Amino acid sequence: MASDVAHLIKVASNEISRGINTFAHQFGLTGTQVQIIFFLSNRDENTYQKDIEKEFNIRRPTATNILKTMEKDKLITRVAVKEDSRLKKIVLSTKSQTLEPKISQFMDDNNQKILSTLGTLERHSFVRALKKIPQKLKK
């Protein structure tokens, strides 16, 4: 079992999720909400629900529920786009903007902690491989 790649990825994912959730709980948030705030704060362009679905590899109903909760908790607002009133731009609220520096610092530190176990060349190969895996598994 120790050499089962899927198992090893799952174990690492669980440990990473646990760390993010522990950090998030001090602000009354979930780990997913922290990751979405971090994602939104690092985008230079308008962001819509479909962008979050794609980035986090989640289905539309899942994204809808997460974003509805975030809107209810005043972490985001959805702003109608002039060209198409059905399309809603997702914007960080003041509450999220206040939390954002702490979230960004945590996420940056967490990424460094994860990657610090690897050499420079290994880091690039590791990240490249992680990006390839979901694409190959979808086929």
N, C-alpha and C. Protein backbone atom coordinates (compact mmCIF):
# COMPACT_ATOMS: atom_id res chain seq x y z
N MET A 1 0.82 -1.21 0.00
CA MET A 1 0.00 0.00 0.00
C MET A 1 0.85 1.26 0.00
N ALA A 2 2.04 1.20 0.58
CA ALA A 2 2.89 2.39 0.71
C ALA A 2 3.30 2.98 -0.63
N SER A 3 3.35 2.15 -1.69
CA SER A 3 3.76 2.69 -2.98
C SER A 3 2.56 3.02 -3.87
N ASP A 4 1.36 2.93 -3.36
CA ASP A 4 0.15 3.29 -4.10
C ASP A 4 0.09 4.81 -4.21
N VAL A 5 0.33 5.31 -5.41
CA VAL A 5 0.44 6.76 -5.65
C VAL A 5 -0.84 7.50 -5.24
N ALA A 6 -1.99 6.97 -5.61
CA ALA A 6 -3.25 7.63 -5.25
C ALA A 6 -3.39 7.75 -3.73
N HIS A 7 -3.00 6.71 -3.04
CA HIS A 7 -3.06 6.73 -1.57
C HIS A 7 -2.12 7.80 -1.00
N LEU A 8 -0.91 7.87 -1.53
CA LEU A 8 0.06 8.86 -1.04
C LEU A 8 -0.43 10.28 -1.29
N ILE A 9 -1.02 10.51 -2.45
CA ILE A 9 -1.56 11.84 -2.76
C ILE A 9 -2.71 12.17 -1.81
N LYS A 10 -3.57 11.20 -1.54
CA LYS A 10 -4.70 11.40 -0.63
C LYS A 10 -4.22 11.73 0.78
N VAL A 11 -3.21 11.01 1.26
CA VAL A 11 -2.67 11.26 2.59
C VAL A 11 -2.10 12.68 2.67
N ALA A 12 -1.33 13.07 1.65
CA ALA A 12 -0.75 14.42 1.63
C ALA A 12 -1.86 15.47 1.56
N SER A 13 -2.87 15.22 0.73
CA SER A 13 -3.99 16.15 0.60
C SER A 13 -4.73 16.31 1.92
N ASN A 14 -4.96 15.21 2.63
CA ASN A 14 -5.64 15.27 3.92
C ASN A 14 -4.85 16.12 4.91
N GLU A 15 -3.54 15.94 4.94
CA GLU A 15 -2.69 16.69 5.87
C GLU A 15 -2.71 18.19 5.53
N ILE A 16 -2.65 18.51 4.25
CA ILE A 16 -2.69 19.91 3.82
C ILE A 16 -4.05 20.52 4.17
N SER A 17 -5.12 19.79 3.88
CA SER A 17 -6.48 20.28 4.19
C SER A 17 -6.67 20.50 5.69
N ARG A 18 -6.14 19.59 6.48
CA ARG A 18 -6.25 19.71 7.94
C ARG A 18 -5.57 21.00 8.41
N GLY A 19 -4.40 21.29 7.87
CA GLY A 19 -3.68 22.51 8.25
C GLY A 19 -4.43 23.77 7.85
N ILE A 20 -4.98 23.77 6.64
CA ILE A 20 -5.74 24.94 6.18
C ILE A 20 -7.02 25.11 7.00
N ASN A 21 -7.70 24.00 7.28
CA ASN A 21 -8.92 24.08 8.10
C ASN A 21 -8.63 24.60 9.51
N THR A 22 -7.54 24.15 10.09
CA THR A 22 -7.16 24.62 11.43
C THR A 22 -6.94 26.13 11.41
N PHE A 23 -6.22 26.60 10.41
CA PHE A 23 -6.00 28.05 10.26
C PHE A 23 -7.33 28.78 10.07
N ALA A 24 -8.19 28.25 9.19
CA ALA A 24 -9.46 28.90 8.85
C ALA A 24 -10.39 29.03 10.04
N HIS A 25 -10.42 28.03 10.90
CA HIS A 25 -11.36 28.02 12.03
C HIS A 25 -11.14 29.17 13.00
N GLN A 26 -9.94 29.69 13.09
CA GLN A 26 -9.72 30.82 14.00
C GLN A 26 -10.47 32.08 13.53
N PHE A 27 -10.89 32.10 12.27
CA PHE A 27 -11.64 33.23 11.73
C PHE A 27 -13.10 32.86 11.46
N GLY A 28 -13.50 31.66 11.87
CA GLY A 28 -14.86 31.20 11.64
C GLY A 28 -15.12 30.83 10.18
N LEU A 29 -14.06 30.44 9.48
CA LEU A 29 -14.17 30.09 8.06
C LEU A 29 -13.86 28.61 7.87
N THR A 30 -14.13 28.13 6.65
CA THR A 30 -13.72 26.78 6.27
C THR A 30 -12.44 26.90 5.45
N GLY A 31 -11.75 25.79 5.31
CA GLY A 31 -10.55 25.78 4.49
C GLY A 31 -10.84 26.17 3.05
N THR A 32 -11.96 25.70 2.53
CA THR A 32 -12.35 26.03 1.16
C THR A 32 -12.58 27.53 1.00
N GLN A 33 -13.24 28.15 1.98
CA GLN A 33 -13.46 29.59 1.92
C GLN A 33 -12.14 30.35 1.92
N VAL A 34 -11.19 29.91 2.75
CA VAL A 34 -9.87 30.54 2.77
C VAL A 34 -9.20 30.43 1.41
N GLN A 35 -9.28 29.24 0.80
CA GLN A 35 -8.65 29.05 -0.51
C GLN A 35 -9.32 29.91 -1.58
N ILE A 36 -10.63 30.07 -1.52
CA ILE A 36 -11.33 30.91 -2.50
C ILE A 36 -10.98 32.38 -2.29
N ILE A 37 -10.91 32.83 -1.05
CA ILE A 37 -10.51 34.22 -0.78
C ILE A 37 -9.10 34.45 -1.32
N PHE A 38 -8.21 33.50 -1.07
CA PHE A 38 -6.83 33.61 -1.56
C PHE A 38 -6.82 33.67 -3.09
N PHE A 39 -7.59 32.81 -3.73
CA PHE A 39 -7.68 32.79 -5.20
C PHE A 39 -8.19 34.13 -5.73
N LEU A 40 -9.29 34.62 -5.15
CA LEU A 40 -9.87 35.88 -5.62
C LEU A 40 -8.92 37.06 -5.41
N SER A 41 -8.18 37.04 -4.31
CA SER A 41 -7.29 38.16 -4.00
C SER A 41 -6.08 38.20 -4.91
N ASN A 42 -5.80 37.11 -5.59
CA ASN A 42 -4.63 37.05 -6.48
C ASN A 42 -5.00 37.14 -7.96
N ARG A 43 -6.23 37.52 -8.24
CA ARG A 43 -6.68 37.66 -9.64
C ARG A 43 -6.70 39.12 -10.04
N ASP A 44 -6.22 39.39 -11.24
CA ASP A 44 -6.22 40.76 -11.76
C ASP A 44 -7.40 41.01 -12.69
N GLU A 45 -8.19 39.98 -12.92
CA GLU A 45 -9.32 40.12 -13.84
C GLU A 45 -10.62 39.77 -13.13
N ASN A 46 -11.73 40.09 -13.77
CA ASN A 46 -13.02 39.74 -13.22
C ASN A 46 -13.11 38.23 -13.04
N THR A 47 -13.76 37.82 -11.96
CA THR A 47 -13.89 36.40 -11.66
C THR A 47 -15.36 36.05 -11.56
N TYR A 48 -15.70 34.93 -12.18
CA TYR A 48 -17.08 34.45 -12.19
C TYR A 48 -17.10 33.03 -11.61
N GLN A 49 -18.29 32.54 -11.34
CA GLN A 49 -18.42 31.22 -10.75
C GLN A 49 -17.70 30.16 -11.57
N LYS A 50 -17.80 30.25 -12.90
CA LYS A 50 -17.16 29.25 -13.76
C LYS A 50 -15.64 29.23 -13.57
N ASP A 51 -15.05 30.38 -13.22
CA ASP A 51 -13.61 30.43 -12.97
C ASP A 51 -13.25 29.65 -11.71
N ILE A 52 -14.10 29.75 -10.70
CA ILE A 52 -13.88 29.02 -9.45
C ILE A 52 -14.09 27.53 -9.67
N GLU A 53 -15.11 27.17 -10.45
CA GLU A 53 -15.34 25.77 -10.77
C GLU A 53 -14.11 25.16 -11.44
N LYS A 54 -13.56 25.90 -12.38
CA LYS A 54 -12.39 25.41 -13.12
C LYS A 54 -11.15 25.34 -12.23
N GLU A 55 -10.88 26.39 -11.48
CA GLU A 55 -9.68 26.45 -10.64
C GLU A 55 -9.65 25.36 -9.58
N PHE A 56 -10.80 25.09 -8.97
CA PHE A 56 -10.85 24.12 -7.88
C PHE A 56 -11.36 22.75 -8.32
N ASN A 57 -11.62 22.61 -9.61
CA ASN A 57 -12.08 21.35 -10.17
C ASN A 57 -13.31 20.83 -9.42
N ILE A 58 -14.30 21.73 -9.28
CA ILE A 58 -15.54 21.36 -8.60
C ILE A 58 -16.71 21.57 -9.57
N ARG A 59 -17.79 20.88 -9.30
CA ARG A 59 -18.97 20.97 -10.17
C ARG A 59 -19.81 22.19 -9.80
N ARG A 60 -20.66 22.57 -10.71
CA ARG A 60 -21.47 23.77 -10.56
C ARG A 60 -22.30 23.80 -9.26
N PRO A 61 -23.02 22.71 -8.91
CA PRO A 61 -23.81 22.77 -7.67
C PRO A 61 -22.94 22.97 -6.42
N THR A 62 -21.77 22.38 -6.42
CA THR A 62 -20.85 22.54 -5.28
C THR A 62 -20.40 23.99 -5.18
N ALA A 63 -20.00 24.56 -6.31
CA ALA A 63 -19.57 25.97 -6.33
C ALA A 63 -20.71 26.88 -5.91
N THR A 64 -21.90 26.60 -6.41
CA THR A 64 -23.07 27.42 -6.06
C THR A 64 -23.30 27.43 -4.55
N ASN A 65 -23.24 26.26 -3.92
CA ASN A 65 -23.46 26.18 -2.47
C ASN A 65 -22.37 26.91 -1.69
N ILE A 66 -21.13 26.72 -2.09
CA ILE A 66 -20.02 27.39 -1.39
C ILE A 66 -20.17 28.91 -1.52
N LEU A 67 -20.44 29.39 -2.73
CA LEU A 67 -20.54 30.84 -2.96
C LEU A 67 -21.78 31.44 -2.28
N LYS A 68 -22.88 30.70 -2.24
CA LYS A 68 -24.08 31.18 -1.53
C LYS A 68 -23.77 31.37 -0.05
N THR A 69 -23.08 30.40 0.53
CA THR A 69 -22.70 30.50 1.95
C THR A 69 -21.75 31.67 2.17
N MET A 70 -20.79 31.83 1.27
CA MET A 70 -19.84 32.94 1.41
C MET A 70 -20.54 34.29 1.28
N GLU A 71 -21.54 34.35 0.42
CA GLU A 71 -22.31 35.59 0.26
C GLU A 71 -23.16 35.84 1.52
N LYS A 72 -23.77 34.81 2.03
CA LYS A 72 -24.58 34.92 3.26
C LYS A 72 -23.71 35.37 4.44
N ASP A 73 -22.48 34.86 4.48
CA ASP A 73 -21.55 35.22 5.56
C ASP A 73 -20.80 36.53 5.29
N LYS A 74 -21.21 37.21 4.23
CA LYS A 74 -20.63 38.52 3.85
C LYS A 74 -19.13 38.46 3.58
N LEU A 75 -18.71 37.36 2.92
CA LEU A 75 -17.31 37.22 2.52
C LEU A 75 -17.10 37.66 1.08
N ILE A 76 -18.17 37.56 0.29
CA ILE A 76 -18.14 38.01 -1.10
C ILE A 76 -19.44 38.72 -1.44
N THR A 77 -19.40 39.44 -2.55
CA THR A 77 -20.63 39.96 -3.13
C THR A 77 -20.63 39.55 -4.59
N ARG A 78 -21.82 39.42 -5.14
CA ARG A 78 -21.95 39.11 -6.57
C ARG A 78 -22.53 40.35 -7.24
N VAL A 79 -21.83 40.81 -8.25
CA VAL A 79 -22.21 42.04 -8.93
C VAL A 79 -22.62 41.71 -10.36
N ALA A 80 -23.82 42.15 -10.74
CA ALA A 80 -24.29 41.89 -12.11
C ALA A 80 -23.42 42.64 -13.11
N VAL A 81 -23.19 42.01 -14.26
CA VAL A 81 -22.38 42.59 -15.33
C VAL A 81 -23.33 43.29 -16.29
N LYS A 82 -22.98 44.51 -16.72
CA LYS A 82 -23.85 45.30 -17.59
C LYS A 82 -24.23 44.57 -18.87
N GLU A 83 -23.25 43.89 -19.48
CA GLU A 83 -23.48 43.23 -20.78
C GLU A 83 -24.44 42.05 -20.68
N ASP A 84 -24.48 41.40 -19.51
CA ASP A 84 -25.31 40.22 -19.33
C ASP A 84 -25.71 40.12 -17.86
N SER A 85 -26.93 40.49 -17.55
CA SER A 85 -27.37 40.54 -16.15
C SER A 85 -27.40 39.17 -15.48
N ARG A 86 -27.37 38.09 -16.29
CA ARG A 86 -27.33 36.74 -15.71
C ARG A 86 -25.94 36.43 -15.15
N LEU A 87 -24.94 37.12 -15.67
CA LEU A 87 -23.56 36.88 -15.27
C LEU A 87 -23.22 37.74 -14.06
N LYS A 88 -22.71 37.10 -13.02
CA LYS A 88 -22.39 37.82 -11.78
C LYS A 88 -20.89 37.73 -11.49
N LYS A 89 -20.28 38.89 -11.37
CA LYS A 89 -18.87 38.98 -11.02
C LYS A 89 -18.76 38.76 -9.51
N ILE A 90 -17.76 37.99 -9.09
CA ILE A 90 -17.56 37.70 -7.66
C ILE A 90 -16.47 38.63 -7.14
N VAL A 91 -16.83 39.37 -6.08
CA VAL A 91 -15.92 40.37 -5.53
C VAL A 91 -15.76 40.12 -4.03
N LEU A 92 -14.53 40.27 -3.55
CA LEU A 92 -14.28 40.13 -2.11
C LEU A 92 -14.95 41.27 -1.35
N SER A 93 -15.56 40.95 -0.24
CA SER A 93 -16.18 41.96 0.63
C SER A 93 -15.09 42.65 1.45
N THR A 94 -15.47 43.68 2.16
CA THR A 94 -14.55 44.37 3.07
C THR A 94 -14.05 43.40 4.13
N LYS A 95 -14.94 42.55 4.62
CA LYS A 95 -14.57 41.56 5.63
C LYS A 95 -13.45 40.65 5.12
N SER A 96 -13.58 40.15 3.89
CA SER A 96 -12.56 39.29 3.31
C SER A 96 -11.28 40.06 3.02
N GLN A 97 -11.42 41.29 2.57
CA GLN A 97 -10.24 42.11 2.28
C GLN A 97 -9.43 42.36 3.55
N THR A 98 -10.12 42.46 4.68
CA THR A 98 -9.45 42.65 5.96
C THR A 98 -8.67 41.39 6.35
N LEU A 99 -9.24 40.22 6.06
CA LEU A 99 -8.60 38.94 6.39
C LEU A 99 -7.51 38.56 5.39
N GLU A 100 -7.56 39.12 4.21
CA GLU A 100 -6.70 38.70 3.11
C GLU A 100 -5.20 38.72 3.42
N PRO A 101 -4.64 39.75 4.07
CA PRO A 101 -3.20 39.70 4.35
C PRO A 101 -2.79 38.50 5.21
N LYS A 102 -3.60 38.16 6.20
CA LYS A 102 -3.30 37.01 7.06
C LYS A 102 -3.44 35.71 6.26
N ILE A 103 -4.46 35.65 5.42
CA ILE A 103 -4.67 34.46 4.59
C ILE A 103 -3.52 34.29 3.61
N SER A 104 -3.13 35.35 2.94
CA SER A 104 -2.03 35.28 1.98
C SER A 104 -0.73 34.86 2.65
N GLN A 105 -0.47 35.42 3.83
CA GLN A 105 0.75 35.06 4.56
C GLN A 105 0.73 33.57 4.92
N PHE A 106 -0.41 33.09 5.42
CA PHE A 106 -0.52 31.68 5.76
C PHE A 106 -0.32 30.80 4.54
N MET A 107 -1.00 31.12 3.44
CA MET A 107 -0.93 30.29 2.24
C MET A 107 0.49 30.29 1.67
N ASP A 108 1.14 31.45 1.67
CA ASP A 108 2.53 31.51 1.20
C ASP A 108 3.44 30.67 2.09
N ASP A 109 3.29 30.80 3.40
CA ASP A 109 4.09 30.01 4.34
C ASP A 109 3.81 28.52 4.16
N ASN A 110 2.55 28.17 3.97
CA ASN A 110 2.17 26.77 3.79
C ASN A 110 2.80 26.20 2.52
N ASN A 111 2.76 26.97 1.43
CA ASN A 111 3.37 26.52 0.18
C ASN A 111 4.87 26.31 0.36
N GLN A 112 5.51 27.23 1.05
CA GLN A 112 6.96 27.11 1.31
C GLN A 112 7.25 25.88 2.14
N LYS A 113 6.43 25.63 3.13
CA LYS A 113 6.60 24.47 4.02
C LYS A 113 6.50 23.17 3.21
N ILE A 114 5.53 23.12 2.32
CA ILE A 114 5.33 21.92 1.49
C ILE A 114 6.52 21.74 0.55
N LEU A 115 6.92 22.82 -0.13
CA LEU A 115 7.97 22.72 -1.13
C LEU A 115 9.37 22.62 -0.53
N SER A 116 9.52 23.00 0.74
CA SER A 116 10.85 22.99 1.36
C SER A 116 11.43 21.58 1.50
N THR A 117 10.58 20.58 1.36
CA THR A 117 11.07 19.20 1.45
C THR A 117 11.74 18.77 0.14
N LEU A 118 11.64 19.61 -0.89
CA LEU A 118 12.16 19.25 -2.21
C LEU A 118 13.27 20.21 -2.63
N GLY A 119 14.19 19.74 -3.46
CA GLY A 119 15.21 20.60 -4.04
C GLY A 119 14.57 21.45 -5.13
N THR A 120 15.29 22.45 -5.62
CA THR A 120 14.76 23.38 -6.63
C THR A 120 14.27 22.67 -7.88
N LEU A 121 15.07 21.79 -8.42
CA LEU A 121 14.67 21.06 -9.63
C LEU A 121 13.47 20.16 -9.35
N GLU A 122 13.47 19.51 -8.20
CA GLU A 122 12.35 18.65 -7.81
C GLU A 122 11.07 19.45 -7.68
N ARG A 123 11.16 20.67 -7.16
CA ARG A 123 9.97 21.52 -6.99
C ARG A 123 9.27 21.76 -8.31
N HIS A 124 10.06 22.14 -9.33
CA HIS A 124 9.47 22.43 -10.64
C HIS A 124 8.84 21.17 -11.24
N SER A 125 9.53 20.04 -11.12
CA SER A 125 9.00 18.78 -11.64
C SER A 125 7.74 18.37 -10.87
N PHE A 126 7.75 18.54 -9.57
CA PHE A 126 6.62 18.18 -8.72
C PHE A 126 5.39 19.00 -9.09
N VAL A 127 5.54 20.30 -9.19
CA VAL A 127 4.41 21.18 -9.52
C VAL A 127 3.89 20.85 -10.92
N ARG A 128 4.79 20.64 -11.86
CA ARG A 128 4.39 20.31 -13.23
C ARG A 128 3.61 18.99 -13.24
N ALA A 129 4.08 18.01 -12.49
CA ALA A 129 3.39 16.71 -12.43
C ALA A 129 2.01 16.85 -11.79
N LEU A 130 1.91 17.64 -10.72
CA LEU A 130 0.62 17.83 -10.07
C LEU A 130 -0.40 18.49 -11.00
N LYS A 131 0.07 19.37 -11.87
CA LYS A 131 -0.85 20.02 -12.84
C LYS A 131 -1.31 19.04 -13.91
N LYS A 132 -0.46 18.08 -14.25
CA LYS A 132 -0.79 17.11 -15.30
C LYS A 132 -1.79 16.05 -14.83
N ILE A 133 -1.70 15.65 -13.59
CA ILE A 133 -2.50 14.52 -13.09
C ILE A 133 -4.00 14.69 -13.33
N PRO A 134 -4.62 15.80 -12.91
CA PRO A 134 -6.08 15.91 -13.14
C PRO A 134 -6.44 15.88 -14.63
N GLN A 135 -5.60 16.47 -15.47
CA GLN A 135 -5.89 16.49 -16.89
C GLN A 135 -5.87 15.08 -17.47
N LYS A 136 -4.89 14.29 -17.06
CA LYS A 136 -4.78 12.91 -17.57
C LYS A 136 -5.92 12.02 -17.04
N LEU A 137 -6.33 12.24 -15.81
CA LEU A 137 -7.38 11.40 -15.22
C LEU A 137 -8.76 11.70 -15.81
N LYS A 138 -8.96 12.90 -16.34
CA LYS A 138 -10.27 13.26 -16.94
C LYS A 138 -10.51 12.52 -18.24
N LYS A 139 -9.44 12.13 -18.92
CA LYS A 139 -9.58 11.52 -20.26
C LYS A 139 -10.09 10.12 -20.19
